[in-house]
Amino acid sequence: MRSNFFILGFLFAGLLTSAQAQTQIDAAKITCDQFVHEKVAPTRLLAAWLSGFYNGKRGNSDLDTQTFEANLNKLQNFCYDEKNFKMSVMQAAEQVLRK
């Protein structure tokens, strides 16, 4: 089972590096519009990065897939509102997911 996760992780990392090997993105500049309309990267990929970033800041290494899905839905709903399109997705995440 552990080897399956290793292989999947390796393949995922390979796809990311081969698809955009020379691209660097400043996550703080990604807007809600870019997030929900996948103008920078797939929404779930950005949401996974955001989750890792904020969980890392809190020193939390747990992966709770139900909480991830719930938070993703909250963030998407917030960002789909046209009045929030220009807000950075990081600001939106901090506002919507305050705990």
N, C-alpha and C. Protein backbone atom coordinates (compact mmCIF):
# COMPACT_ATOMS: atom_id res chain seq x y z
N MET A 1 0.83 -1.19 0.00
CA MET A 1 0.00 0.00 0.00
C MET A 1 0.87 1.25 0.00
N ARG A 2 1.90 1.25 0.83
CA ARG A 2 2.79 2.41 0.91
C ARG A 2 3.48 2.66 -0.43
N SER A 3 3.84 1.57 -1.12
CA SER A 3 4.52 1.74 -2.40
C SER A 3 3.59 2.34 -3.44
N ASN A 4 2.28 2.05 -3.35
CA ASN A 4 1.33 2.66 -4.28
C ASN A 4 1.29 4.17 -4.11
N PHE A 5 1.30 4.65 -2.86
CA PHE A 5 1.31 6.09 -2.61
C PHE A 5 2.60 6.71 -3.13
N PHE A 6 3.70 6.01 -2.95
CA PHE A 6 4.99 6.51 -3.44
C PHE A 6 4.97 6.65 -4.95
N ILE A 7 4.46 5.63 -5.62
CA ILE A 7 4.41 5.64 -7.08
C ILE A 7 3.49 6.75 -7.57
N LEU A 8 2.30 6.88 -6.95
CA LEU A 8 1.39 7.96 -7.34
C LEU A 8 2.00 9.33 -7.12
N GLY A 9 2.66 9.51 -5.99
CA GLY A 9 3.32 10.79 -5.70
C GLY A 9 4.41 11.09 -6.71
N PHE A 10 5.18 10.07 -7.04
CA PHE A 10 6.26 10.23 -8.01
C PHE A 10 5.70 10.61 -9.38
N LEU A 11 4.63 9.93 -9.80
CA LEU A 11 4.02 10.24 -11.10
C LEU A 11 3.43 11.65 -11.11
N PHE A 12 2.76 12.02 -10.03
CA PHE A 12 2.17 13.35 -9.93
C PHE A 12 3.25 14.42 -10.01
N ALA A 13 4.34 14.23 -9.27
CA ALA A 13 5.44 15.19 -9.29
C ALA A 13 6.05 15.27 -10.69
N GLY A 14 6.17 14.15 -11.35
CA GLY A 14 6.71 14.13 -12.70
C GLY A 14 5.84 14.88 -13.68
N LEU A 15 4.53 14.71 -13.56
CA LEU A 15 3.61 15.43 -14.43
C LEU A 15 3.70 16.94 -14.21
N LEU A 16 3.78 17.33 -12.96
CA LEU A 16 3.88 18.76 -12.66
C LEU A 16 5.16 19.36 -13.20
N THR A 17 6.27 18.69 -13.00
CA THR A 17 7.54 19.26 -13.44
C THR A 17 7.68 19.23 -14.94
N SER A 18 7.15 18.21 -15.60
CA SER A 18 7.29 18.16 -17.06
C SER A 18 6.35 19.15 -17.73
N ALA A 19 5.18 19.38 -17.14
CA ALA A 19 4.20 20.28 -17.76
C ALA A 19 4.60 21.74 -17.63
N GLN A 20 5.19 22.12 -16.49
CA GLN A 20 5.51 23.52 -16.28
C GLN A 20 6.85 23.65 -15.56
N ALA A 21 7.87 23.09 -16.15
CA ALA A 21 9.17 23.04 -15.50
C ALA A 21 9.75 24.43 -15.23
N GLN A 22 9.50 25.39 -16.08
CA GLN A 22 10.11 26.70 -15.95
C GLN A 22 9.17 27.76 -15.38
N THR A 23 8.00 27.38 -14.93
CA THR A 23 7.02 28.34 -14.46
C THR A 23 7.08 28.51 -12.95
N GLN A 24 7.14 29.76 -12.52
CA GLN A 24 7.04 30.09 -11.10
C GLN A 24 5.85 31.01 -10.93
N ILE A 25 5.07 30.74 -9.91
CA ILE A 25 3.85 31.50 -9.68
C ILE A 25 3.90 32.09 -8.28
N ASP A 26 3.62 33.37 -8.16
CA ASP A 26 3.51 34.01 -6.85
C ASP A 26 2.09 33.78 -6.37
N ALA A 27 1.91 32.86 -5.44
CA ALA A 27 0.58 32.48 -4.98
C ALA A 27 -0.18 33.66 -4.38
N ALA A 28 0.52 34.62 -3.84
CA ALA A 28 -0.14 35.77 -3.23
C ALA A 28 -0.82 36.66 -4.27
N LYS A 29 -0.48 36.49 -5.53
CA LYS A 29 -1.06 37.33 -6.59
C LYS A 29 -2.19 36.65 -7.35
N ILE A 30 -2.50 35.40 -7.02
CA ILE A 30 -3.57 34.68 -7.71
C ILE A 30 -4.91 35.22 -7.20
N THR A 31 -5.75 35.66 -8.11
CA THR A 31 -7.05 36.21 -7.72
C THR A 31 -8.10 35.10 -7.66
N CYS A 32 -9.22 35.43 -7.03
CA CYS A 32 -10.34 34.48 -6.98
C CYS A 32 -10.79 34.11 -8.39
N ASP A 33 -10.84 35.10 -9.28
CA ASP A 33 -11.23 34.84 -10.67
C ASP A 33 -10.29 33.81 -11.30
N GLN A 34 -9.01 34.00 -11.14
CA GLN A 34 -8.04 33.06 -11.70
C GLN A 34 -8.18 31.68 -11.06
N PHE A 35 -8.48 31.65 -9.77
CA PHE A 35 -8.62 30.40 -9.03
C PHE A 35 -9.80 29.58 -9.54
N VAL A 36 -11.00 30.18 -9.54
CA VAL A 36 -12.19 29.41 -9.89
C VAL A 36 -12.31 29.11 -11.38
N HIS A 37 -11.67 29.93 -12.21
CA HIS A 37 -11.73 29.68 -13.65
C HIS A 37 -10.48 28.98 -14.17
N GLU A 38 -9.66 28.49 -13.26
CA GLU A 38 -8.46 27.70 -13.57
C GLU A 38 -7.56 28.38 -14.60
N LYS A 39 -7.33 29.67 -14.41
CA LYS A 39 -6.50 30.43 -15.34
C LYS A 39 -5.01 30.25 -15.06
N VAL A 40 -4.67 29.80 -13.86
CA VAL A 40 -3.28 29.62 -13.47
C VAL A 40 -2.93 28.13 -13.39
N ALA A 41 -3.80 27.38 -12.75
CA ALA A 41 -3.61 25.94 -12.55
C ALA A 41 -4.95 25.35 -12.16
N PRO A 42 -5.08 24.04 -12.19
CA PRO A 42 -6.34 23.44 -11.76
C PRO A 42 -6.69 23.85 -10.32
N THR A 43 -7.97 24.12 -10.10
CA THR A 43 -8.45 24.60 -8.80
C THR A 43 -8.03 23.68 -7.67
N ARG A 44 -8.19 22.38 -7.84
CA ARG A 44 -7.86 21.43 -6.77
C ARG A 44 -6.37 21.45 -6.46
N LEU A 45 -5.54 21.65 -7.46
CA LEU A 45 -4.10 21.71 -7.24
C LEU A 45 -3.75 22.94 -6.40
N LEU A 46 -4.31 24.08 -6.75
CA LEU A 46 -4.06 25.30 -5.97
C LEU A 46 -4.62 25.16 -4.56
N ALA A 47 -5.79 24.54 -4.44
CA ALA A 47 -6.38 24.35 -3.11
C ALA A 47 -5.51 23.43 -2.26
N ALA A 48 -4.94 22.41 -2.86
CA ALA A 48 -4.05 21.51 -2.12
C ALA A 48 -2.80 22.27 -1.67
N TRP A 49 -2.26 23.13 -2.53
CA TRP A 49 -1.09 23.93 -2.14
C TRP A 49 -1.45 24.85 -0.98
N LEU A 50 -2.60 25.54 -1.09
CA LEU A 50 -3.03 26.44 -0.03
C LEU A 50 -3.21 25.68 1.28
N SER A 51 -3.81 24.52 1.21
CA SER A 51 -4.01 23.70 2.41
C SER A 51 -2.67 23.35 3.05
N GLY A 52 -1.73 22.93 2.24
CA GLY A 52 -0.40 22.61 2.76
C GLY A 52 0.29 23.83 3.35
N PHE A 53 0.16 24.96 2.69
CA PHE A 53 0.79 26.19 3.16
C PHE A 53 0.25 26.58 4.54
N TYR A 54 -1.08 26.65 4.65
CA TYR A 54 -1.66 27.09 5.92
C TYR A 54 -1.52 26.04 7.02
N ASN A 55 -1.63 24.78 6.68
CA ASN A 55 -1.41 23.73 7.68
C ASN A 55 0.04 23.71 8.13
N GLY A 56 0.95 23.97 7.22
CA GLY A 56 2.37 24.04 7.57
C GLY A 56 2.65 25.19 8.52
N LYS A 57 2.01 26.33 8.29
CA LYS A 57 2.19 27.48 9.20
C LYS A 57 1.71 27.16 10.62
N ARG A 58 0.70 26.30 10.70
CA ARG A 58 0.17 25.91 12.01
C ARG A 58 0.88 24.69 12.60
N GLY A 59 1.80 24.12 11.84
CA GLY A 59 2.50 22.93 12.31
C GLY A 59 1.62 21.69 12.30
N ASN A 60 0.58 21.70 11.50
CA ASN A 60 -0.36 20.58 11.41
C ASN A 60 0.02 19.69 10.23
N SER A 61 0.32 18.44 10.51
CA SER A 61 0.69 17.52 9.42
C SER A 61 -0.42 16.51 9.14
N ASP A 62 -1.58 16.68 9.74
CA ASP A 62 -2.71 15.78 9.50
C ASP A 62 -3.36 16.09 8.17
N LEU A 63 -3.82 15.06 7.49
CA LEU A 63 -4.55 15.22 6.24
C LEU A 63 -5.97 14.73 6.47
N ASP A 64 -6.89 15.66 6.54
CA ASP A 64 -8.31 15.36 6.75
C ASP A 64 -9.03 15.67 5.44
N THR A 65 -9.34 14.64 4.67
CA THR A 65 -9.90 14.85 3.34
C THR A 65 -11.30 15.45 3.39
N GLN A 66 -12.07 15.13 4.42
CA GLN A 66 -13.41 15.71 4.53
C GLN A 66 -13.33 17.21 4.79
N THR A 67 -12.43 17.61 5.67
CA THR A 67 -12.25 19.03 5.95
C THR A 67 -11.72 19.74 4.71
N PHE A 68 -10.80 19.10 3.99
CA PHE A 68 -10.26 19.69 2.77
C PHE A 68 -11.39 19.96 1.78
N GLU A 69 -12.25 18.97 1.56
CA GLU A 69 -13.36 19.13 0.61
C GLU A 69 -14.32 20.23 1.06
N ALA A 70 -14.63 20.26 2.35
CA ALA A 70 -15.54 21.29 2.87
C ALA A 70 -14.94 22.68 2.69
N ASN A 71 -13.65 22.81 3.00
CA ASN A 71 -12.97 24.10 2.85
C ASN A 71 -12.87 24.51 1.39
N LEU A 72 -12.62 23.55 0.51
CA LEU A 72 -12.55 23.84 -0.92
C LEU A 72 -13.90 24.37 -1.40
N ASN A 73 -14.98 23.73 -0.98
CA ASN A 73 -16.31 24.18 -1.38
C ASN A 73 -16.60 25.59 -0.87
N LYS A 74 -16.24 25.88 0.37
CA LYS A 74 -16.45 27.22 0.93
C LYS A 74 -15.67 28.27 0.13
N LEU A 75 -14.41 27.94 -0.17
CA LEU A 75 -13.56 28.89 -0.89
C LEU A 75 -14.07 29.10 -2.32
N GLN A 76 -14.45 28.01 -2.98
CA GLN A 76 -14.98 28.15 -4.34
C GLN A 76 -16.26 28.98 -4.35
N ASN A 77 -17.17 28.72 -3.43
CA ASN A 77 -18.42 29.48 -3.37
C ASN A 77 -18.14 30.96 -3.15
N PHE A 78 -17.21 31.27 -2.27
CA PHE A 78 -16.85 32.66 -2.01
C PHE A 78 -16.24 33.30 -3.26
N CYS A 79 -15.32 32.60 -3.89
CA CYS A 79 -14.60 33.16 -5.04
C CYS A 79 -15.46 33.23 -6.30
N TYR A 80 -16.50 32.38 -6.40
CA TYR A 80 -17.39 32.45 -7.56
C TYR A 80 -18.25 33.70 -7.55
N ASP A 81 -18.38 34.34 -6.42
CA ASP A 81 -19.15 35.59 -6.33
C ASP A 81 -18.35 36.67 -7.06
N GLU A 82 -18.92 37.22 -8.09
CA GLU A 82 -18.21 38.17 -8.95
C GLU A 82 -17.62 39.35 -8.18
N LYS A 83 -18.24 39.76 -7.08
CA LYS A 83 -17.70 40.88 -6.32
C LYS A 83 -16.36 40.54 -5.67
N ASN A 84 -16.02 39.25 -5.59
CA ASN A 84 -14.76 38.81 -4.98
C ASN A 84 -13.70 38.44 -6.02
N PHE A 85 -13.98 38.58 -7.30
CA PHE A 85 -13.06 38.15 -8.34
C PHE A 85 -11.67 38.78 -8.21
N LYS A 86 -11.58 40.02 -7.77
CA LYS A 86 -10.28 40.71 -7.73
C LYS A 86 -9.51 40.46 -6.44
N MET A 87 -10.16 39.86 -5.46
CA MET A 87 -9.49 39.55 -4.19
C MET A 87 -8.51 38.40 -4.41
N SER A 88 -7.36 38.47 -3.73
CA SER A 88 -6.42 37.36 -3.86
C SER A 88 -7.02 36.13 -3.19
N VAL A 89 -6.74 34.98 -3.76
CA VAL A 89 -7.29 33.74 -3.22
C VAL A 89 -6.74 33.47 -1.81
N MET A 90 -5.54 33.94 -1.52
CA MET A 90 -4.99 33.77 -0.17
C MET A 90 -5.77 34.62 0.83
N GLN A 91 -6.12 35.85 0.46
CA GLN A 91 -6.94 36.69 1.33
C GLN A 91 -8.32 36.06 1.51
N ALA A 92 -8.86 35.53 0.43
CA ALA A 92 -10.17 34.89 0.50
C ALA A 92 -10.13 33.68 1.44
N ALA A 93 -9.09 32.88 1.33
CA ALA A 93 -8.95 31.70 2.19
C ALA A 93 -8.87 32.12 3.65
N GLU A 94 -8.10 33.16 3.93
CA GLU A 94 -7.97 33.62 5.32
C GLU A 94 -9.31 34.14 5.84
N GLN A 95 -10.05 34.81 4.99
CA GLN A 95 -11.33 35.36 5.41
C GLN A 95 -12.39 34.27 5.59
N VAL A 96 -12.47 33.36 4.65
CA VAL A 96 -13.51 32.34 4.65
C VAL A 96 -13.22 31.22 5.66
N LEU A 97 -11.97 30.90 5.85
CA LEU A 97 -11.62 29.72 6.63
C LEU A 97 -11.04 30.05 8.00
N ARG A 98 -11.32 31.22 8.49
CA ARG A 98 -10.84 31.59 9.84
C ARG A 98 -11.29 30.56 10.85
N LYS A 99 -10.38 30.22 11.75
CA LYS A 99 -10.72 29.25 12.80
C LYS A 99 -10.28 29.77 14.13
